[in-house]
Amino acid sequence: MQDKGLDFKHKEVININDGKRLGYVQDVCADLETGRITSIIVPGSNKVLNLFIQSNEIVIPWKNIRCIGDDLILVEI
């Protein structure tokens, strides 16, 4: 599962538990000491109720990533 962080922004994230499309990778978090990616961030839901929540991003830890393909990332959350 090695890939460049910049390439992640072109990949759609799908939850394998329910088949829901979570969106495209918005950002990645990395451990600066090791240089390893620790999590990916996708936009959260756009529901009206989320207007009152400051951050509606979904942070997915690296351990929850199951497969990285050419155009998608399968996660288990």
Protein backbone atom coordinates (compact mmCIF):
# COMPACT_ATOMS: atom_id res chain seq x y z
CA MET A 1 0.00 0.00 0.00
CA GLN A 2 2.52 2.60 -1.01
CA ASP A 3 1.39 5.65 -2.90
CA LYS A 4 2.27 9.31 -3.03
CA GLY A 5 0.11 11.53 -0.86
CA LEU A 6 -0.54 13.89 -3.75
CA ASP A 7 -2.03 11.06 -5.82
CA PHE A 8 -4.67 10.45 -3.14
CA LYS A 9 -6.67 13.56 -4.07
CA HIS A 10 -7.75 11.87 -7.30
CA LYS A 11 -9.09 8.77 -5.53
CA GLU A 12 -12.66 8.25 -4.36
CA VAL A 13 -13.09 6.78 -0.87
CA ILE A 14 -15.70 4.04 -0.37
CA ASN A 15 -16.74 2.44 2.92
CA ILE A 16 -16.83 -1.34 2.43
CA ASN A 17 -19.21 -1.83 5.38
CA ASP A 18 -22.16 -0.14 3.67
CA GLY A 19 -20.90 0.68 0.16
CA LYS A 20 -21.31 4.41 0.80
CA ARG A 21 -19.23 6.80 -1.26
CA LEU A 22 -17.50 9.17 1.13
CA GLY A 23 -16.01 11.49 -1.49
CA TYR A 24 -12.52 12.22 -2.69
CA VAL A 25 -9.52 12.56 -0.41
CA GLN A 26 -9.31 16.14 0.78
CA ASP A 27 -6.06 15.90 2.72
CA VAL A 28 -3.61 13.46 4.30
CA CYS A 29 -1.96 13.52 7.73
CA ALA A 30 1.56 12.24 8.21
CA ASP A 31 3.98 11.56 11.04
CA LEU A 32 6.75 14.07 10.44
CA GLU A 33 9.37 11.92 12.16
CA THR A 34 8.77 8.79 10.08
CA GLY A 35 7.26 10.32 6.96
CA ARG A 36 4.42 7.78 7.04
CA ILE A 37 0.81 8.67 6.32
CA THR A 38 -1.26 8.29 9.49
CA SER A 39 -4.74 9.14 8.15
CA ILE A 40 -6.71 10.52 5.24
CA ILE A 41 -9.42 13.17 5.41
CA VAL A 42 -12.57 13.27 3.28
CA PRO A 43 -15.33 15.90 3.31
CA GLY A 44 -18.20 15.12 5.64
CA SER A 45 -21.89 15.05 4.90
CA ASN A 46 -23.51 18.17 3.43
CA LYS A 47 -26.72 17.86 5.42
CA VAL A 48 -28.34 21.01 6.76
CA LEU A 49 -27.78 19.95 10.38
CA ASN A 50 -24.03 20.01 9.81
CA LEU A 51 -24.10 23.77 9.24
CA PHE A 52 -23.83 24.18 13.01
CA ILE A 53 -20.84 21.87 13.32
CA GLN A 54 -17.49 23.59 12.83
CA SER A 55 -15.74 20.68 11.17
CA ASN A 56 -17.64 18.08 9.22
CA GLU A 57 -14.60 16.25 7.89
CA ILE A 58 -14.18 12.51 8.26
CA VAL A 59 -10.72 11.47 9.46
CA ILE A 60 -9.94 7.89 8.51
CA PRO A 61 -6.95 6.30 10.30
CA TRP A 62 -4.45 4.45 8.13
CA LYS A 63 -5.29 1.17 9.90
CA ASN A 64 -8.85 1.41 8.48
CA ILE A 65 -7.67 1.54 4.86
CA ARG A 66 -8.19 -1.88 3.30
CA CYS A 67 -7.21 -1.39 -0.35
CA ILE A 68 -5.82 1.38 -2.57
CA GLY A 69 -6.62 1.07 -6.25
CA ASP A 70 -5.91 3.21 -9.28
CA ASP A 71 -8.98 5.40 -8.78
CA LEU A 72 -10.43 4.45 -5.38
CA ILE A 73 -9.63 3.69 -1.77
CA LEU A 74 -11.63 1.10 0.16
CA VAL A 75 -11.96 1.79 3.87
CA GLU A 76 -13.69 0.11 6.77
CA ILE A 77 -15.36 2.53 9.17
